[in-house]
Amino acid sequence: PEPICDICGTAIGAPGTCIGCQYKSPPFDKMLSACVFEGLLKDIIHKFKYNNATLYKKPLAGLVYDMLLHTGIRPDMITFVPLHWTRMISRGYNQTALIARELAGYMGLDMRYDVIHKTRRTLSQVGLKRTDRMSNLRNVFISNGVNGKSVMVVDDVITTARTAHEISRSLKRAGASYVIFVSVGRIIR
């Protein structure tokens, strides 16, 4: 497998840190993804996210747990990427919260539902151009209750990492000492 950046998880030519992270460190301290978002995993996540197939929450959390098992990472708490309340009502559940709850159980850690809040409704990031993704999520998250804590944030899929940047920035403003952003899938470009 191709080496990945120690900070952001982007595929790079040699072990170490990518040029982007060397030039300007992201607001998160570590980003890890269990799998590449393609094939069967892509199909499963789409069914889980859009077709009420919540039975996949345990195996998807298991993939993340297996990835974390030998890293030595033990945050103070686990939380998730929040949905705006309107999207939560229309979908009926937050898929990342379901994965995070299972992962917290596997790891024996505190699961927190009240850490990150989405302050306004945004367009779906799916299908947006990179520049639109950046402005779509700017200053949309607020965080609390993390002062001096290490926080693991769970997402289903990382595409451009814009959500990770914005949430991590919010957590750091709220006093988080360390932010680990994890996902089941990652789009590799």
C-alpha atoms as a PDB file:
ATOM      1  CA  PRO A   1       0.000   0.000   0.000  1.00  0.00           C
ATOM      2  CA  GLU A   2       1.058   3.573  -0.743  1.00  0.00           C
ATOM      3  CA  PRO A   3       2.350   5.555   2.281  1.00  0.00           C
ATOM      4  CA  ILE A   4      -0.054   8.104   3.754  1.00  0.00           C
ATOM      5  CA  CYS A   5       0.529  11.437   5.493  1.00  0.00           C
ATOM      6  CA  ASP A   6       0.977  11.076   9.258  1.00  0.00           C
ATOM      7  CA  ILE A   7      -1.462  13.948   9.863  1.00  0.00           C
ATOM      8  CA  CYS A   8      -4.164  14.062   7.193  1.00  0.00           C
ATOM      9  CA  GLY A   9      -4.083  10.526   5.798  1.00  0.00           C
ATOM     10  CA  THR A  10      -3.577  11.606   2.170  1.00  0.00           C
ATOM     11  CA  ALA A  11      -1.680   9.154  -0.045  1.00  0.00           C
ATOM     12  CA  ILE A  12       1.916  10.357  -0.534  1.00  0.00           C
ATOM     13  CA  GLY A  13       5.008   8.969  -2.211  1.00  0.00           C
ATOM     14  CA  ALA A  14       7.106   8.347   0.909  1.00  0.00           C
ATOM     15  CA  PRO A  15       6.446   7.919   4.643  1.00  0.00           C
ATOM     16  CA  GLY A  16       6.104  11.167   6.611  1.00  0.00           C
ATOM     17  CA  THR A  17       4.011  14.289   6.249  1.00  0.00           C
ATOM     18  CA  CYS A  18       2.544  15.645   3.007  1.00  0.00           C
ATOM     19  CA  ILE A  19       3.617  19.031   1.655  1.00  0.00           C
ATOM     20  CA  GLY A  20       0.215  20.563   2.434  1.00  0.00           C
ATOM     21  CA  CYS A  21       0.428  19.649   6.135  1.00  0.00           C
ATOM     22  CA  GLN A  22       4.077  20.768   6.275  1.00  0.00           C
ATOM     23  CA  TYR A  23       3.100  24.145   4.814  1.00  0.00           C
ATOM     24  CA  LYS A  24      -0.031  24.703   6.887  1.00  0.00           C
ATOM     25  CA  SER A  25      -1.034  22.266   9.604  1.00  0.00           C
ATOM     26  CA  PRO A  26      -4.724  21.354   9.614  1.00  0.00           C
ATOM     27  CA  PRO A  27      -6.761  22.067  12.766  1.00  0.00           C
ATOM     28  CA  PHE A  28      -7.059  18.342  13.564  1.00  0.00           C
ATOM     29  CA  ASP A  29      -4.116  16.490  15.049  1.00  0.00           C
ATOM     30  CA  LYS A  30      -4.727  13.165  13.308  1.00  0.00           C
ATOM     31  CA  MET A  31      -7.025  11.874  10.568  1.00  0.00           C
ATOM     32  CA  LEU A  32      -7.560   8.176   9.944  1.00  0.00           C
ATOM     33  CA  SER A  33      -9.867   6.231   7.634  1.00  0.00           C
ATOM     34  CA  ALA A  34     -10.496   2.504   7.752  1.00  0.00           C
ATOM     35  CA  CYS A  35     -11.111   1.920   4.034  1.00  0.00           C
ATOM     36  CA  VAL A  36     -11.109   3.474   0.610  1.00  0.00           C
ATOM     37  CA  PHE A  37     -14.647   4.556  -0.297  1.00  0.00           C
ATOM     38  CA  GLU A  38     -15.354   2.360  -3.321  1.00  0.00           C
ATOM     39  CA  GLY A  39     -16.991  -0.890  -4.376  1.00  0.00           C
ATOM     40  CA  LEU A  40     -18.952  -2.835  -1.771  1.00  0.00           C
ATOM     41  CA  LEU A  41     -18.142  -0.385   1.041  1.00  0.00           C
ATOM     42  CA  LYS A  42     -19.570   2.485  -1.017  1.00  0.00           C
ATOM     43  CA  ASP A  43     -22.753   0.485  -1.654  1.00  0.00           C
ATOM     44  CA  ILE A  44     -23.120  -0.402   2.039  1.00  0.00           C
ATOM     45  CA  ILE A  45     -22.597   3.168   3.235  1.00  0.00           C
ATOM     46  CA  HIS A  46     -25.111   4.497   0.695  1.00  0.00           C
ATOM     47  CA  LYS A  47     -27.705   1.950   1.870  1.00  0.00           C
ATOM     48  CA  PHE A  48     -26.927   2.783   5.495  1.00  0.00           C
ATOM     49  CA  LYS A  49     -27.138   6.524   4.927  1.00  0.00           C
ATOM     50  CA  TYR A  50     -30.029   6.835   2.474  1.00  0.00           C
ATOM     51  CA  ASN A  51     -32.080   3.619   2.721  1.00  0.00           C
ATOM     52  CA  ASN A  52     -32.516   3.153   6.476  1.00  0.00           C
ATOM     53  CA  ALA A  53     -30.157   0.141   6.561  1.00  0.00           C
ATOM     54  CA  THR A  54     -29.073   0.823  10.143  1.00  0.00           C
ATOM     55  CA  LEU A  55     -28.105  -2.829  10.626  1.00  0.00           C
ATOM     56  CA  TYR A  56     -24.716  -1.843   9.151  1.00  0.00           C
ATOM     57  CA  LYS A  57     -23.801   0.352  12.144  1.00  0.00           C
ATOM     58  CA  LYS A  58     -21.975  -2.440  14.027  1.00  0.00           C
ATOM     59  CA  PRO A  59     -19.848  -3.771  11.140  1.00  0.00           C
ATOM     60  CA  LEU A  60     -18.945  -0.231   9.995  1.00  0.00           C
ATOM     61  CA  ALA A  61     -17.909   0.698  13.548  1.00  0.00           C
ATOM     62  CA  GLY A  62     -15.987  -2.587  13.665  1.00  0.00           C
ATOM     63  CA  LEU A  63     -13.923  -1.531  10.651  1.00  0.00           C
ATOM     64  CA  VAL A  64     -12.933   1.694  12.418  1.00  0.00           C
ATOM     65  CA  TYR A  65     -12.243  -0.174  15.670  1.00  0.00           C
ATOM     66  CA  ASP A  66     -10.015  -2.708  13.897  1.00  0.00           C
ATOM     67  CA  MET A  67      -8.067   0.163  12.320  1.00  0.00           C
ATOM     68  CA  LEU A  68      -7.614   1.881  15.725  1.00  0.00           C
ATOM     69  CA  LEU A  69      -6.831  -1.281  17.687  1.00  0.00           C
ATOM     70  CA  HIS A  70      -3.038  -1.082  17.451  1.00  0.00           C
ATOM     71  CA  THR A  71      -2.592   2.697  17.268  1.00  0.00           C
ATOM     72  CA  GLY A  72      -2.636   3.336  21.004  1.00  0.00           C
ATOM     73  CA  ILE A  73      -5.138   6.161  20.476  1.00  0.00           C
ATOM     74  CA  ARG A  74      -7.352   6.587  23.578  1.00  0.00           C
ATOM     75  CA  PRO A  75      -9.295   9.852  23.472  1.00  0.00           C
ATOM     76  CA  ASP A  76     -11.222  11.222  26.446  1.00  0.00           C
ATOM     77  CA  MET A  77     -14.454  11.084  24.462  1.00  0.00           C
ATOM     78  CA  ILE A  78     -16.015  10.095  21.158  1.00  0.00           C
ATOM     79  CA  THR A  79     -18.498  12.242  19.271  1.00  0.00           C
ATOM     80  CA  PHE A  80     -19.745  12.532  15.692  1.00  0.00           C
ATOM     81  CA  VAL A  81     -20.459  14.872  12.802  1.00  0.00           C
ATOM     82  CA  PRO A  82     -23.851  16.402  13.597  1.00  0.00           C
ATOM     83  CA  LEU A  83     -26.736  16.889  11.196  1.00  0.00           C
ATOM     84  CA  HIS A  84     -28.864  20.007  11.140  1.00  0.00           C
ATOM     85  CA  TRP A  85     -32.171  19.276  12.893  1.00  0.00           C
ATOM     86  CA  THR A  86     -34.107  19.525   9.604  1.00  0.00           C
ATOM     87  CA  ARG A  87     -31.988  16.806   7.980  1.00  0.00           C
ATOM     88  CA  MET A  88     -32.206  14.719  11.148  1.00  0.00           C
ATOM     89  CA  ILE A  89     -36.000  14.846  10.994  1.00  0.00           C
ATOM     90  CA  SER A  90     -36.138  13.965   7.286  1.00  0.00           C
ATOM     91  CA  ARG A  91     -33.649  11.059   7.590  1.00  0.00           C
ATOM     92  CA  GLY A  92     -34.830   9.894  11.000  1.00  0.00           C
ATOM     93  CA  TYR A  93     -31.336   9.200  12.343  1.00  0.00           C
ATOM     94  CA  ASN A  94     -27.751  10.395  12.150  1.00  0.00           C
ATOM     95  CA  GLN A  95     -25.649   7.626  10.611  1.00  0.00           C
ATOM     96  CA  THR A  96     -22.408   8.974  12.098  1.00  0.00           C
ATOM     97  CA  ALA A  97     -23.944   9.030  15.594  1.00  0.00           C
ATOM     98  CA  LEU A  98     -24.914   5.364  15.200  1.00  0.00           C
ATOM     99  CA  ILE A  99     -21.381   4.414  14.139  1.00  0.00           C
ATOM    100  CA  ALA A 100     -19.852   6.521  16.933  1.00  0.00           C
ATOM    101  CA  ARG A 101     -22.072   4.913  19.589  1.00  0.00           C
ATOM    102  CA  GLU A 102     -21.003   1.431  18.490  1.00  0.00           C
ATOM    103  CA  LEU A 103     -17.341   2.486  18.338  1.00  0.00           C
ATOM    104  CA  ALA A 104     -17.544   3.974  21.842  1.00  0.00           C
ATOM    105  CA  GLY A 105     -18.913   0.636  23.053  1.00  0.00           C
ATOM    106  CA  TYR A 106     -16.098  -1.308  21.372  1.00  0.00           C
ATOM    107  CA  MET A 107     -13.486   1.020  22.895  1.00  0.00           C
ATOM    108  CA  GLY A 108     -15.127   1.394  26.307  1.00  0.00           C
ATOM    109  CA  LEU A 109     -15.119   5.183  25.990  1.00  0.00           C
ATOM    110  CA  ASP A 110     -17.513   8.002  26.782  1.00  0.00           C
ATOM    111  CA  MET A 111     -19.898   8.802  23.893  1.00  0.00           C
ATOM    112  CA  ARG A 112     -20.938  12.459  23.836  1.00  0.00           C
ATOM    113  CA  TYR A 113     -23.987  13.737  21.954  1.00  0.00           C
ATOM    114  CA  ASP A 114     -23.787  17.363  23.088  1.00  0.00           C
ATOM    115  CA  VAL A 115     -20.306  18.427  21.976  1.00  0.00           C
ATOM    116  CA  ILE A 116     -20.742  19.699  18.403  1.00  0.00           C
ATOM    117  CA  HIS A 117     -23.762  21.572  17.054  1.00  0.00           C
ATOM    118  CA  LYS A 118     -24.595  22.575  13.500  1.00  0.00           C
ATOM    119  CA  THR A 119     -25.932  26.126  13.630  1.00  0.00           C
ATOM    120  CA  ARG A 120     -27.549  26.403  10.223  1.00  0.00           C
ATOM    121  CA  ARG A 121     -28.790  24.236   7.398  1.00  0.00           C
ATOM    122  CA  THR A 122     -26.322  23.738   4.551  1.00  0.00           C
ATOM    123  CA  LEU A 123     -26.420  22.184   1.133  1.00  0.00           C
ATOM    124  CA  SER A 124     -25.346  18.556   0.912  1.00  0.00           C
ATOM    125  CA  GLN A 125     -21.602  18.418   0.278  1.00  0.00           C
ATOM    126  CA  VAL A 126     -22.197  15.633  -2.269  1.00  0.00           C
ATOM    127  CA  GLY A 127     -21.768  17.007  -5.776  1.00  0.00           C
ATOM    128  CA  LEU A 128     -20.486  20.453  -4.768  1.00  0.00           C
ATOM    129  CA  LYS A 129     -17.310  21.864  -6.304  1.00  0.00           C
ATOM    130  CA  ARG A 130     -14.320  22.096  -3.967  1.00  0.00           C
ATOM    131  CA  THR A 131     -14.643  25.888  -3.563  1.00  0.00           C
ATOM    132  CA  ASP A 132     -18.375  25.573  -2.847  1.00  0.00           C
ATOM    133  CA  ARG A 133     -17.680  22.869  -0.244  1.00  0.00           C
ATOM    134  CA  MET A 134     -15.369  25.270   1.571  1.00  0.00           C
ATOM    135  CA  SER A 135     -17.851  28.138   1.759  1.00  0.00           C
ATOM    136  CA  ASN A 136     -20.829  25.847   2.440  1.00  0.00           C
ATOM    137  CA  LEU A 137     -19.494  24.766   5.850  1.00  0.00           C
ATOM    138  CA  ARG A 138     -17.606  27.883   6.927  1.00  0.00           C
ATOM    139  CA  ASN A 139     -18.450  28.793  10.563  1.00  0.00           C
ATOM    140  CA  VAL A 140     -21.414  26.392  10.711  1.00  0.00           C
ATOM    141  CA  PHE A 141     -20.254  24.310  13.725  1.00  0.00           C
ATOM    142  CA  ILE A 142     -19.946  25.299  17.380  1.00  0.00           C
ATOM    143  CA  SER A 143     -18.519  23.112  20.115  1.00  0.00           C
ATOM    144  CA  ASN A 144     -18.495  23.041  23.912  1.00  0.00           C
ATOM    145  CA  GLY A 145     -17.589  20.843  26.862  1.00  0.00           C
ATOM    146  CA  VAL A 146     -14.171  19.838  25.513  1.00  0.00           C
ATOM    147  CA  ASN A 147     -11.746  22.141  27.338  1.00  0.00           C
ATOM    148  CA  GLY A 148      -8.492  20.249  27.915  1.00  0.00           C
ATOM    149  CA  LYS A 149      -9.928  17.023  26.427  1.00  0.00           C
ATOM    150  CA  SER A 150      -8.849  14.817  23.550  1.00  0.00           C
ATOM    151  CA  VAL A 151     -11.784  14.258  21.217  1.00  0.00           C
ATOM    152  CA  MET A 152     -12.389  11.620  18.547  1.00  0.00           C
ATOM    153  CA  VAL A 153     -14.896  12.700  15.889  1.00  0.00           C
ATOM    154  CA  VAL A 154     -16.526   9.985  13.787  1.00  0.00           C
ATOM    155  CA  ASP A 155     -17.679  10.493  10.184  1.00  0.00           C
ATOM    156  CA  ASP A 156     -18.895   8.004   7.608  1.00  0.00           C
ATOM    157  CA  VAL A 157     -16.901   9.256   4.597  1.00  0.00           C
ATOM    158  CA  ILE A 158     -14.163  11.857   4.157  1.00  0.00           C
ATOM    159  CA  THR A 159     -14.032  13.433   0.721  1.00  0.00           C
ATOM    160  CA  THR A 160     -12.222  16.800   0.716  1.00  0.00           C
ATOM    161  CA  ALA A 161     -11.829  16.890   4.542  1.00  0.00           C
ATOM    162  CA  ARG A 162     -13.667  20.241   4.673  1.00  0.00           C
ATOM    163  CA  THR A 163     -16.037  18.941   7.384  1.00  0.00           C
ATOM    164  CA  ALA A 164     -13.040  17.703   9.380  1.00  0.00           C
ATOM    165  CA  HIS A 165     -11.357  21.102   9.114  1.00  0.00           C
ATOM    166  CA  GLU A 166     -14.414  23.079  10.186  1.00  0.00           C
ATOM    167  CA  ILE A 167     -15.371  20.781  13.073  1.00  0.00           C
ATOM    168  CA  SER A 168     -11.785  20.530  14.307  1.00  0.00           C
ATOM    169  CA  ARG A 169     -11.426  24.317  14.197  1.00  0.00           C
ATOM    170  CA  SER A 170     -14.612  24.586  16.291  1.00  0.00           C
ATOM    171  CA  LEU A 171     -13.343  22.011  18.816  1.00  0.00           C
ATOM    172  CA  LYS A 172      -9.969  23.737  19.154  1.00  0.00           C
ATOM    173  CA  ARG A 173     -11.706  27.104  19.715  1.00  0.00           C
ATOM    174  CA  ALA A 174     -13.667  25.401  22.513  1.00  0.00           C
ATOM    175  CA  GLY A 175     -10.403  24.265  24.140  1.00  0.00           C
ATOM    176  CA  ALA A 176      -9.934  20.681  22.895  1.00  0.00           C
ATOM    177  CA  SER A 177      -6.346  19.633  23.457  1.00  0.00           C
ATOM    178  CA  TYR A 178      -6.235  17.009  20.697  1.00  0.00           C
ATOM    179  CA  VAL A 179      -8.632  16.173  17.833  1.00  0.00           C
ATOM    180  CA  ILE A 180      -8.635  12.827  16.042  1.00  0.00           C
ATOM    181  CA  PHE A 181     -10.953  12.666  13.049  1.00  0.00           C
ATOM    182  CA  VAL A 182     -11.837   9.111  11.950  1.00  0.00           C
ATOM    183  CA  SER A 183     -14.036   7.737   9.195  1.00  0.00           C
ATOM    184  CA  VAL A 184     -15.127   4.446   7.755  1.00  0.00           C
ATOM    185  CA  GLY A 185     -14.365   5.477   4.170  1.00  0.00           C
ATOM    186  CA  ARG A 186     -12.100   7.950   2.429  1.00  0.00           C
ATOM    187  CA  ILE A 187     -12.151   9.117  -1.153  1.00  0.00           C
ATOM    188  CA  ILE A 188      -8.613   8.959  -2.502  1.00  0.00           C
ATOM    189  CA  ARG A 189      -7.944  11.374  -5.358  1.00  0.00           C
END
